[in-house]
PDB file of N, CA and C in Angstrom:
ATOM      1  N   MET A   1       0.843  -1.189   0.000  1.00  0.00           N
ATOM      2  CA  MET A   1       0.000   0.000   0.000  1.00  0.00           C
ATOM      3  C   MET A   1       0.881   1.242   0.000  1.00  0.00           C
ATOM      4  N   ASN A   2       0.507   2.223  -0.791  1.00  0.00           N
ATOM      5  CA  ASN A   2       1.201   3.504  -0.821  1.00  0.00           C
ATOM      6  C   ASN A   2       0.868   4.256   0.463  1.00  0.00           C
ATOM      7  N   LYS A   3       1.878   4.457   1.302  1.00  0.00           N
ATOM      8  CA  LYS A   3       1.633   5.080   2.603  1.00  0.00           C
ATOM      9  C   LYS A   3       1.461   6.582   2.515  1.00  0.00           C
ATOM     10  N   SER A   4       1.713   7.168   1.336  1.00  0.00           N
ATOM     11  CA  SER A   4       1.578   8.620   1.234  1.00  0.00           C
ATOM     12  C   SER A   4       0.188   9.032   0.758  1.00  0.00           C
ATOM     13  N   LEU A   5      -0.635   8.069   0.332  1.00  0.00           N
ATOM     14  CA  LEU A   5      -1.963   8.412  -0.155  1.00  0.00           C
ATOM     15  C   LEU A   5      -2.946   7.338   0.291  1.00  0.00           C
ATOM     16  N   ILE A   6      -3.987   7.755   0.963  1.00  0.00           N
ATOM     17  CA  ILE A   6      -5.039   6.854   1.437  1.00  0.00           C
ATOM     18  C   ILE A   6      -6.255   7.114   0.551  1.00  0.00           C
ATOM     19  N   GLY A   7      -6.812   6.072  -0.047  1.00  0.00           N
ATOM     20  CA  GLY A   7      -7.918   6.216  -0.977  1.00  0.00           C
ATOM     21  C   GLY A   7      -9.251   6.472  -0.295  1.00  0.00           C
ATOM     22  N   PRO A   8     -10.238   6.948  -1.058  1.00  0.00           N
ATOM     23  CA  PRO A   8     -11.537   7.322  -0.493  1.00  0.00           C
ATOM     24  C   PRO A   8     -12.309   6.161   0.114  1.00  0.00           C
ATOM     25  N   ASP A   9     -12.086   4.941  -0.368  1.00  0.00           N
ATOM     26  CA  ASP A   9     -12.823   3.795   0.162  1.00  0.00           C
ATOM     27  C   ASP A   9     -12.152   3.164   1.374  1.00  0.00           C
ATOM     28  N   GLN A  10     -10.965   3.623   1.706  1.00  0.00           N
ATOM     29  CA  GLN A  10     -10.263   3.040   2.846  1.00  0.00           C
ATOM     30  C   GLN A  10     -10.826   3.583   4.150  1.00  0.00           C
ATOM     31  N   VAL A  11     -10.863   2.717   5.138  1.00  0.00           N
ATOM     32  CA  VAL A  11     -11.401   3.048   6.454  1.00  0.00           C
ATOM     33  C   VAL A  11     -10.236   3.277   7.403  1.00  0.00           C
ATOM     34  N   ILE A  12     -10.272   4.411   8.084  1.00  0.00           N
ATOM     35  CA  ILE A  12      -9.203   4.751   9.029  1.00  0.00           C
ATOM     36  C   ILE A  12      -9.778   4.885  10.431  1.00  0.00           C
ATOM     37  N   GLU A  13      -8.888   4.801  11.406  1.00  0.00           N
ATOM     38  CA  GLU A  13      -9.266   4.981  12.800  1.00  0.00           C
ATOM     39  C   GLU A  13      -8.053   5.488  13.574  1.00  0.00           C
ATOM     40  N   GLN A  14      -8.309   6.294  14.588  1.00  0.00           N
ATOM     41  CA  GLN A  14      -7.246   6.814  15.435  1.00  0.00           C
ATOM     42  C   GLN A  14      -6.438   5.684  16.056  1.00  0.00           C
ATOM     43  N   ASN A  15      -5.146   5.919  16.211  1.00  0.00           N
ATOM     44  CA  ASN A  15      -4.304   5.054  17.020  1.00  0.00           C
ATOM     45  C   ASN A  15      -4.505   5.524  18.461  1.00  0.00           C
ATOM     46  N   LYS A  16      -5.019   4.654  19.285  1.00  0.00           N
ATOM     47  CA  LYS A  16      -5.409   5.040  20.646  1.00  0.00           C
ATOM     48  C   LYS A  16      -4.228   5.282  21.589  1.00  0.00           C
ATOM     49  N   GLN A  17      -2.987   5.112  21.110  1.00  0.00           N
ATOM     50  CA  GLN A  17      -1.809   5.368  21.950  1.00  0.00           C
ATOM     51  C   GLN A  17      -1.547   6.857  22.143  1.00  0.00           C
ATOM     52  N   TYR A  18      -2.271   7.680  21.391  1.00  0.00           N
ATOM     53  CA  TYR A  18      -2.023   9.116  21.449  1.00  0.00           C
ATOM     54  C   TYR A  18      -3.054   9.816  22.318  1.00  0.00           C
ATOM     55  N   ILE A  19      -2.576  10.760  23.097  1.00  0.00           N
ATOM     56  CA  ILE A  19      -3.442  11.606  23.913  1.00  0.00           C
ATOM     57  C   ILE A  19      -3.595  12.923  23.168  1.00  0.00           C
ATOM     58  N   ALA A  20      -4.830  13.304  22.886  1.00  0.00           N
ATOM     59  CA  ALA A  20      -5.085  14.533  22.139  1.00  0.00           C
ATOM     60  C   ALA A  20      -5.775  15.553  23.032  1.00  0.00           C
ATOM     61  N   SER A  21      -5.496  16.824  22.747  1.00  0.00           N
ATOM     62  CA  SER A  21      -6.098  17.900  23.515  1.00  0.00           C
ATOM     63  C   SER A  21      -6.329  19.100  22.600  1.00  0.00           C
ATOM     64  N   ASP A  22      -7.339  19.879  22.927  1.00  0.00           N
ATOM     65  CA  ASP A  22      -7.632  21.099  22.194  1.00  0.00           C
ATOM     66  C   ASP A  22      -6.888  22.250  22.854  1.00  0.00           C
ATOM     67  N   MET A  23      -6.101  22.970  22.054  1.00  0.00           N
ATOM     68  CA  MET A  23      -5.396  24.152  22.554  1.00  0.00           C
ATOM     69  C   MET A  23      -5.731  25.317  21.640  1.00  0.00           C
ATOM     70  N   ASN A  24      -6.627  26.169  22.100  1.00  0.00           N
ATOM     71  CA  ASN A  24      -7.048  27.349  21.331  1.00  0.00           C
ATOM     72  C   ASN A  24      -7.571  26.985  19.951  1.00  0.00           C
ATOM     73  N   GLY A  25      -8.384  25.929  19.871  1.00  0.00           N
ATOM     74  CA  GLY A  25      -9.003  25.538  18.613  1.00  0.00           C
ATOM     75  C   GLY A  25      -8.171  24.623  17.744  1.00  0.00           C
ATOM     76  N   GLU A  26      -6.962  24.303  18.159  1.00  0.00           N
ATOM     77  CA  GLU A  26      -6.111  23.386  17.404  1.00  0.00           C
ATOM     78  C   GLU A  26      -5.883  22.124  18.217  1.00  0.00           C
ATOM     79  N   THR A  27      -5.826  20.993  17.523  1.00  0.00           N
ATOM     80  CA  THR A  27      -5.614  19.721  18.194  1.00  0.00           C
ATOM     81  C   THR A  27      -4.126  19.434  18.280  1.00  0.00           C
ATOM     82  N   VAL A  28      -3.670  19.186  19.491  1.00  0.00           N
ATOM     83  CA  VAL A  28      -2.289  18.764  19.715  1.00  0.00           C
ATOM     84  C   VAL A  28      -2.336  17.391  20.361  1.00  0.00           C
ATOM     85  N   MET A  29      -1.307  16.599  20.115  1.00  0.00           N
ATOM     86  CA  MET A  29      -1.300  15.253  20.669  1.00  0.00           C
ATOM     87  C   MET A  29       0.111  14.812  20.982  1.00  0.00           C
ATOM     88  N   MET A  30       0.163  13.790  21.809  1.00  0.00           N
ATOM     89  CA  MET A  30       1.445  13.251  22.222  1.00  0.00           C
ATOM     90  C   MET A  30       1.337  11.744  22.362  1.00  0.00           C
ATOM     91  N   ASN A  31       2.357  11.058  21.893  1.00  0.00           N
ATOM     92  CA  ASN A  31       2.458   9.621  22.116  1.00  0.00           C
ATOM     93  C   ASN A  31       3.116   9.433  23.468  1.00  0.00           C
ATOM     94  N   VAL A  32       2.405   8.827  24.404  1.00  0.00           N
ATOM     95  CA  VAL A  32       2.922   8.708  25.766  1.00  0.00           C
ATOM     96  C   VAL A  32       4.134   7.783  25.837  1.00  0.00           C
ATOM     97  N   GLU A  33       4.268   6.852  24.914  1.00  0.00           N
ATOM     98  CA  GLU A  33       5.408   5.943  24.936  1.00  0.00           C
ATOM     99  C   GLU A  33       6.670   6.590  24.368  1.00  0.00           C
ATOM    100  N   SER A  34       6.526   7.303  23.239  1.00  0.00           N
ATOM    101  CA  SER A  34       7.707   7.878  22.583  1.00  0.00           C
ATOM    102  C   SER A  34       7.976   9.314  23.002  1.00  0.00           C
ATOM    103  N   GLY A  35       6.956  10.005  23.532  1.00  0.00           N
ATOM    104  CA  GLY A  35       7.101  11.408  23.876  1.00  0.00           C
ATOM    105  C   GLY A  35       7.000  12.325  22.663  1.00  0.00           C
ATOM    106  N   LYS A  36       6.683  11.777  21.489  1.00  0.00           N
ATOM    107  CA  LYS A  36       6.577  12.571  20.267  1.00  0.00           C
ATOM    108  C   LYS A  36       5.315  13.427  20.310  1.00  0.00           C
ATOM    109  N   TYR A  37       5.440  14.687  19.874  1.00  0.00           N
ATOM    110  CA  TYR A  37       4.385  15.688  19.950  1.00  0.00           C
ATOM    111  C   TYR A  37       3.967  16.105  18.540  1.00  0.00           C
ATOM    112  N   TYR A  38       2.656  16.306  18.327  1.00  0.00           N
ATOM    113  CA  TYR A  38       2.119  16.732  17.034  1.00  0.00           C
ATOM    114  C   TYR A  38       1.119  17.850  17.237  1.00  0.00           C
ATOM    115  N   ASN A  39       1.090  18.801  16.296  1.00  0.00           N
ATOM    116  CA  ASN A  39       0.052  19.823  16.245  1.00  0.00           C
ATOM    117  C   ASN A  39      -0.690  19.622  14.932  1.00  0.00           C
ATOM    118  N   LEU A  40      -1.946  19.198  15.005  1.00  0.00           N
ATOM    119  CA  LEU A  40      -2.726  18.909  13.801  1.00  0.00           C
ATOM    120  C   LEU A  40      -3.451  20.125  13.249  1.00  0.00           C
ATOM    121  N   GLY A  41      -3.498  21.205  13.984  1.00  0.00           N
ATOM    122  CA  GLY A  41      -4.221  22.385  13.528  1.00  0.00           C
ATOM    123  C   GLY A  41      -5.722  22.178  13.638  1.00  0.00           C
ATOM    124  N   MET A  42      -6.478  23.090  13.063  1.00  0.00           N
ATOM    125  CA  MET A  42      -7.937  23.042  13.188  1.00  0.00           C
ATOM    126  C   MET A  42      -8.561  21.962  12.299  1.00  0.00           C
ATOM    127  N   VAL A  43      -8.243  21.978  11.012  1.00  0.00           N
ATOM    128  CA  VAL A  43      -8.860  21.008  10.103  1.00  0.00           C
ATOM    129  C   VAL A  43      -8.305  19.611  10.376  1.00  0.00           C
ATOM    130  N   GLY A  44      -7.012  19.515  10.622  1.00  0.00           N
ATOM    131  CA  GLY A  44      -6.425  18.226  10.983  1.00  0.00           C
ATOM    132  C   GLY A  44      -7.049  17.685  12.255  1.00  0.00           C
ATOM    133  N   GLY A  45      -7.352  18.575  13.182  1.00  0.00           N
ATOM    134  CA  GLY A  45      -8.026  18.169  14.410  1.00  0.00           C
ATOM    135  C   GLY A  45      -9.431  17.659  14.145  1.00  0.00           C
ATOM    136  N   ARG A  46     -10.096  18.266  13.170  1.00  0.00           N
ATOM    137  CA  ARG A  46     -11.440  17.794  12.807  1.00  0.00           C
ATOM    138  C   ARG A  46     -11.360  16.402  12.183  1.00  0.00           C
ATOM    139  N   ILE A  47     -10.351  16.170  11.348  1.00  0.00           N
ATOM    140  CA  ILE A  47     -10.145  14.840  10.773  1.00  0.00           C
ATOM    141  C   ILE A  47      -9.866  13.834  11.887  1.00  0.00           C
ATOM    142  N   TRP A  48      -9.058  14.227  12.862  1.00  0.00           N
ATOM    143  CA  TRP A  48      -8.756  13.364  14.007  1.00  0.00           C
ATOM    144  C   TRP A  48     -10.048  13.026  14.761  1.00  0.00           C
ATOM    145  N   GLU A  49     -10.856  14.039  14.998  1.00  0.00           N
ATOM    146  CA  GLU A  49     -12.127  13.843  15.710  1.00  0.00           C
ATOM    147  C   GLU A  49     -13.035  12.878  14.943  1.00  0.00           C
ATOM    148  N   LEU A  50     -13.129  13.056  13.634  1.00  0.00           N
ATOM    149  CA  LEU A  50     -13.995  12.212  12.813  1.00  0.00           C
ATOM    150  C   LEU A  50     -13.499  10.765  12.759  1.00  0.00           C
ATOM    151  N   SER A  51     -12.212  10.553  13.003  1.00  0.00           N
ATOM    152  CA  SER A  51     -11.656   9.199  12.945  1.00  0.00           C
ATOM    153  C   SER A  51     -11.574   8.540  14.321  1.00  0.00           C
ATOM    154  N   SER A  52     -12.361   9.027  15.265  1.00  0.00           N
ATOM    155  CA  SER A  52     -12.356   8.426  16.608  1.00  0.00           C
ATOM    156  C   SER A  52     -12.907   7.003  16.590  1.00  0.00           C
ATOM    157  N   SER A  53     -13.720   6.698  15.592  1.00  0.00           N
ATOM    158  CA  SER A  53     -14.179   5.333  15.345  1.00  0.00           C
ATOM    159  C   SER A  53     -13.967   5.083  13.852  1.00  0.00           C
ATOM    160  N   PRO A  54     -13.971   3.834  13.418  1.00  0.00           N
ATOM    161  CA  PRO A  54     -13.694   3.560  12.004  1.00  0.00           C
ATOM    162  C   PRO A  54     -14.589   4.364  11.066  1.00  0.00           C
ATOM    163  N   VAL A  55     -13.964   5.023  10.092  1.00  0.00           N
ATOM    164  CA  VAL A  55     -14.689   5.881   9.145  1.00  0.00           C
ATOM    165  C   VAL A  55     -13.936   5.871   7.824  1.00  0.00           C
ATOM    166  N   SER A  56     -14.676   5.892   6.730  1.00  0.00           N
ATOM    167  CA  SER A  56     -14.021   5.943   5.425  1.00  0.00           C
ATOM    168  C   SER A  56     -13.524   7.364   5.149  1.00  0.00           C
ATOM    169  N   VAL A  57     -12.483   7.447   4.362  1.00  0.00           N
ATOM    170  CA  VAL A  57     -11.984   8.750   3.931  1.00  0.00           C
ATOM    171  C   VAL A  57     -13.090   9.493   3.187  1.00  0.00           C
ATOM    172  N   GLN A  58     -13.874   8.767   2.416  1.00  0.00           N
ATOM    173  CA  GLN A  58     -15.005   9.353   1.686  1.00  0.00           C
ATOM    174  C   GLN A  58     -15.956  10.079   2.632  1.00  0.00           C
ATOM    175  N   ASN A  59     -16.296   9.451   3.756  1.00  0.00           N
ATOM    176  CA  ASN A  59     -17.202  10.082   4.724  1.00  0.00           C
ATOM    177  C   ASN A  59     -16.576  11.315   5.362  1.00  0.00           C
ATOM    178  N   ILE A  60     -15.285  11.262   5.619  1.00  0.00           N
ATOM    179  CA  ILE A  60     -14.582  12.433   6.167  1.00  0.00           C
ATOM    180  C   ILE A  60     -14.654  13.579   5.168  1.00  0.00           C
ATOM    181  N   VAL A  61     -14.361  13.284   3.911  1.00  0.00           N
ATOM    182  CA  VAL A  61     -14.386  14.317   2.868  1.00  0.00           C
ATOM    183  C   VAL A  61     -15.791  14.914   2.746  1.00  0.00           C
ATOM    184  N   ASN A  62     -16.807  14.075   2.722  1.00  0.00           N
ATOM    185  CA  ASN A  62     -18.177  14.587   2.623  1.00  0.00           C
ATOM    186  C   ASN A  62     -18.509  15.519   3.781  1.00  0.00           C
ATOM    187  N   THR A  63     -18.076  15.166   4.978  1.00  0.00           N
ATOM    188  CA  THR A  63     -18.321  16.004   6.154  1.00  0.00           C
ATOM    189  C   THR A  63     -17.604  17.341   6.025  1.00  0.00           C
ATOM    190  N   LEU A  64     -16.333  17.302   5.631  1.00  0.00           N
ATOM    191  CA  LEU A  64     -15.545  18.538   5.526  1.00  0.00           C
ATOM    192  C   LEU A  64     -16.061  19.453   4.423  1.00  0.00           C
ATOM    193  N   VAL A  65     -16.491  18.880   3.301  1.00  0.00           N
ATOM    194  CA  VAL A  65     -17.045  19.690   2.207  1.00  0.00           C
ATOM    195  C   VAL A  65     -18.304  20.419   2.681  1.00  0.00           C
ATOM    196  N   ALA A  66     -19.084  19.758   3.536  1.00  0.00           N
ATOM    197  CA  ALA A  66     -20.299  20.385   4.068  1.00  0.00           C
ATOM    198  C   ALA A  66     -19.969  21.465   5.098  1.00  0.00           C
ATOM    199  N   GLU A  67     -18.859  21.326   5.797  1.00  0.00           N
ATOM    200  CA  GLU A  67     -18.510  22.259   6.873  1.00  0.00           C
ATOM    201  C   GLU A  67     -17.615  23.422   6.445  1.00  0.00           C
ATOM    202  N   TYR A  68     -16.838  23.233   5.392  1.00  0.00           N
ATOM    203  CA  TYR A  68     -15.866  24.242   4.964  1.00  0.00           C
ATOM    204  C   TYR A  68     -16.111  24.632   3.515  1.00  0.00           C
ATOM    205  N   ASP A  69     -15.584  25.763   3.131  1.00  0.00           N
ATOM    206  CA  ASP A  69     -15.686  26.250   1.756  1.00  0.00           C
ATOM    207  C   ASP A  69     -14.541  25.650   0.948  1.00  0.00           C
ATOM    208  N   VAL A  70     -14.737  24.401   0.503  1.00  0.00           N
ATOM    209  CA  VAL A  70     -13.713  23.689  -0.259  1.00  0.00           C
ATOM    210  C   VAL A  70     -14.410  22.777  -1.265  1.00  0.00           C
ATOM    211  N   SER A  71     -13.797  22.621  -2.432  1.00  0.00           N
ATOM    212  CA  SER A  71     -14.381  21.736  -3.444  1.00  0.00           C
ATOM    213  C   SER A  71     -14.130  20.277  -3.042  1.00  0.00           C
ATOM    214  N   TYR A  72     -14.964  19.410  -3.562  1.00  0.00           N
ATOM    215  CA  TYR A  72     -14.829  17.982  -3.279  1.00  0.00           C
ATOM    216  C   TYR A  72     -13.451  17.471  -3.721  1.00  0.00           C
ATOM    217  N   GLU A  73     -13.024  17.826  -4.929  1.00  0.00           N
ATOM    218  CA  GLU A  73     -11.774  17.314  -5.483  1.00  0.00           C
ATOM    219  C   GLU A  73     -10.574  17.753  -4.652  1.00  0.00           C
ATOM    220  N   VAL A  74     -10.528  19.023  -4.295  1.00  0.00           N
ATOM    221  CA  VAL A  74      -9.423  19.543  -3.494  1.00  0.00           C
ATOM    222  C   VAL A  74      -9.431  18.888  -2.113  1.00  0.00           C
ATOM    223  N   CYS A  75     -10.595  18.775  -1.524  1.00  0.00           N
ATOM    224  CA  CYS A  75     -10.705  18.185  -0.195  1.00  0.00           C
ATOM    225  C   CYS A  75     -10.254  16.725  -0.211  1.00  0.00           C
ATOM    226  N   LEU A  76     -10.696  15.968  -1.202  1.00  0.00           N
ATOM    227  CA  LEU A  76     -10.308  14.563  -1.301  1.00  0.00           C
ATOM    228  C   LEU A  76      -8.795  14.414  -1.418  1.00  0.00           C
ATOM    229  N   GLU A  77      -8.186  15.218  -2.271  1.00  0.00           N
ATOM    230  CA  GLU A  77      -6.738  15.159  -2.440  1.00  0.00           C
ATOM    231  C   GLU A  77      -6.013  15.486  -1.134  1.00  0.00           C
ATOM    232  N   GLN A  78      -6.443  16.549  -0.470  1.00  0.00           N
ATOM    233  CA  GLN A  78      -5.755  16.977   0.740  1.00  0.00           C
ATOM    234  C   GLN A  78      -5.987  16.014   1.907  1.00  0.00           C
ATOM    235  N   VAL A  79      -7.206  15.495   2.046  1.00  0.00           N
ATOM    236  CA  VAL A  79      -7.482  14.542   3.118  1.00  0.00           C
ATOM    237  C   VAL A  79      -6.721  13.246   2.876  1.00  0.00           C
ATOM    238  N   SER A  80      -6.666  12.794   1.628  1.00  0.00           N
ATOM    239  CA  SER A  80      -5.925  11.564   1.305  1.00  0.00           C
ATOM    240  C   SER A  80      -4.449  11.715   1.640  1.00  0.00           C
ATOM    241  N   GLU A  81      -3.865  12.842   1.281  1.00  0.00           N
ATOM    242  CA  GLU A  81      -2.456  13.093   1.584  1.00  0.00           C
ATOM    243  C   GLU A  81      -2.232  13.212   3.090  1.00  0.00           C
ATOM    244  N   PHE A  82      -3.120  13.940   3.773  1.00  0.00           N
ATOM    245  CA  PHE A  82      -2.988  14.121   5.220  1.00  0.00           C
ATOM    246  C   PHE A  82      -3.128  12.781   5.942  1.00  0.00           C
ATOM    247  N   ALA A  83      -4.116  11.978   5.533  1.00  0.00           N
ATOM    248  CA  ALA A  83      -4.308  10.658   6.144  1.00  0.00           C
ATOM    249  C   ALA A  83      -3.089   9.774   5.889  1.00  0.00           C
ATOM    250  N   GLY A  84      -2.516   9.860   4.696  1.00  0.00           N
ATOM    251  CA  GLY A  84      -1.305   9.100   4.397  1.00  0.00           C
ATOM    252  C   GLY A  84      -0.151   9.492   5.303  1.00  0.00           C
ATOM    253  N   GLN A  85      -0.017  10.786   5.544  1.00  0.00           N
ATOM    254  CA  GLN A  85       1.042  11.266   6.444  1.00  0.00           C
ATOM    255  C   GLN A  85       0.776  10.807   7.884  1.00  0.00           C
ATOM    256  N   MET A  86      -0.481  10.881   8.308  1.00  0.00           N
ATOM    257  CA  MET A  86      -0.818  10.414   9.663  1.00  0.00           C
ATOM    258  C   MET A  86      -0.533   8.919   9.797  1.00  0.00           C
ATOM    259  N   PHE A  87      -0.810   8.151   8.728  1.00  0.00           N
ATOM    260  CA  PHE A  87      -0.533   6.716   8.732  1.00  0.00           C
ATOM    261  C   PHE A  87       0.969   6.456   8.851  1.00  0.00           C
ATOM    262  N   LYS A  88       1.768   7.197   8.070  1.00  0.00           N
ATOM    263  CA  LYS A  88       3.226   7.049   8.132  1.00  0.00           C
ATOM    264  C   LYS A  88       3.756   7.341   9.528  1.00  0.00           C
ATOM    265  N   GLU A  89       3.144   8.304  10.203  1.00  0.00           N
ATOM    266  CA  GLU A  89       3.575   8.680  11.554  1.00  0.00           C
ATOM    267  C   GLU A  89       2.991   7.768  12.633  1.00  0.00           C
ATOM    268  N   GLY A  90       2.090   6.879  12.230  1.00  0.00           N
ATOM    269  CA  GLY A  90       1.486   5.959  13.193  1.00  0.00           C
ATOM    270  C   GLY A  90       0.329   6.551  13.979  1.00  0.00           C
ATOM    271  N   LEU A  91      -0.193   7.701  13.521  1.00  0.00           N
ATOM    272  CA  LEU A  91      -1.286   8.357  14.240  1.00  0.00           C
ATOM    273  C   LEU A  91      -2.631   7.681  13.990  1.00  0.00           C
ATOM    274  N   ILE A  92      -2.765   7.062  12.819  1.00  0.00           N
ATOM    275  CA  ILE A  92      -4.004   6.351  12.490  1.00  0.00           C
ATOM    276  C   ILE A  92      -3.661   4.948  12.023  1.00  0.00           C
ATOM    277  N   GLU A  93      -4.682   4.122  12.025  1.00  0.00           N
ATOM    278  CA  GLU A  93      -4.577   2.786  11.459  1.00  0.00           C
ATOM    279  C   GLU A  93      -5.515   2.723  10.265  1.00  0.00           C
ATOM    280  N   VAL A  94      -5.083   2.031   9.216  1.00  0.00           N
ATOM    281  CA  VAL A  94      -5.939   1.800   8.068  1.00  0.00           C
ATOM    282  C   VAL A  94      -6.538   0.424   8.282  1.00  0.00           C
ATOM    283  N   ALA A  95      -7.829   0.411   8.595  1.00  0.00           N
ATOM    284  CA  ALA A  95      -8.473  -0.822   9.032  1.00  0.00           C
ATOM    285  C   ALA A  95      -8.954  -1.683   7.882  1.00  0.00           C
ATOM    286  N   ALA A  96      -9.609  -1.095   6.905  1.00  0.00           N
ATOM    287  CA  ALA A  96     -10.221  -1.878   5.837  1.00  0.00           C
ATOM    288  C   ALA A  96     -10.733  -0.943   4.772  1.00  0.00           C
ATOM    289  N   GLU A  97     -11.263  -1.544   3.710  1.00  0.00           N
ATOM    290  CA  GLU A  97     -11.988  -0.778   2.708  1.00  0.00           C
ATOM    291  C   GLU A  97     -13.462  -0.936   2.988  1.00  0.00           C
ATOM    292  N   GLN A  98     -14.282  -0.056   2.455  1.00  0.00           N
ATOM    293  CA  GLN A  98     -15.714  -0.084   2.746  1.00  0.00           C
ATOM    294  C   GLN A  98     -16.375  -1.412   2.401  1.00  0.00           C
ATOM    295  N   ASP A  99     -15.842  -2.109   1.390  1.00  0.00           N
ATOM    296  CA  ASP A  99     -16.473  -3.372   1.007  1.00  0.00           C
ATOM    297  C   ASP A  99     -16.066  -4.515   1.927  1.00  0.00           C
ATOM    298  N   GLY A 100     -15.301  -4.216   2.962  1.00  0.00           N
ATOM    299  CA  GLY A 100     -14.966  -5.215   3.973  1.00  0.00           C
ATOM    300  C   GLY A 100     -13.656  -5.942   3.742  1.00  0.00           C
ATOM    301  N   LEU A 101     -12.947  -5.650   2.649  1.00  0.00           N
ATOM    302  CA  LEU A 101     -11.674  -6.307   2.409  1.00  0.00           C
ATOM    303  C   LEU A 101     -10.598  -5.718   3.308  1.00  0.00           C
ATOM    304  N   ARG A 102      -9.829  -6.577   3.904  1.00  0.00           N
ATOM    305  CA  ARG A 102      -8.740  -6.113   4.764  1.00  0.00           C
ATOM    306  C   ARG A 102      -7.620  -5.560   3.901  1.00  0.00           C
ATOM    307  N   VAL A 103      -6.991  -4.469   4.355  1.00  0.00           N
ATOM    308  CA  VAL A 103      -5.881  -3.889   3.620  1.00  0.00           C
ATOM    309  C   VAL A 103      -4.609  -3.849   4.446  1.00  0.00           C
ATOM    310  N   ASP A 104      -4.678  -4.263   5.682  1.00  0.00           N
ATOM    311  CA  ASP A 104      -3.470  -4.202   6.499  1.00  0.00           C
ATOM    312  C   ASP A 104      -2.843  -5.550   6.685  1.00  0.00           C
TER     313      ASP A 104
END
């Protein structure tokens, strides 16, 4: 699997090893085992919030398009890239595709 791009049908979920907190509207988190710190910002924090339980990238994009002034195509590209980066960093897990096929 290409770790830099997560497709719209893939289902992601937060890695529960991270403690997240809201700081002035931005989500920051820390891995308690490694001590590594991340600032996801406002939109990244919203993606983090939406992935608290298994959710497809498609559903995240649909939610963000409804909440923000962004086109579907731009949002899909940016969410896919952001999710890929979060996956590379171990912040999320890619659980499955919507049709139930395992991808991990």
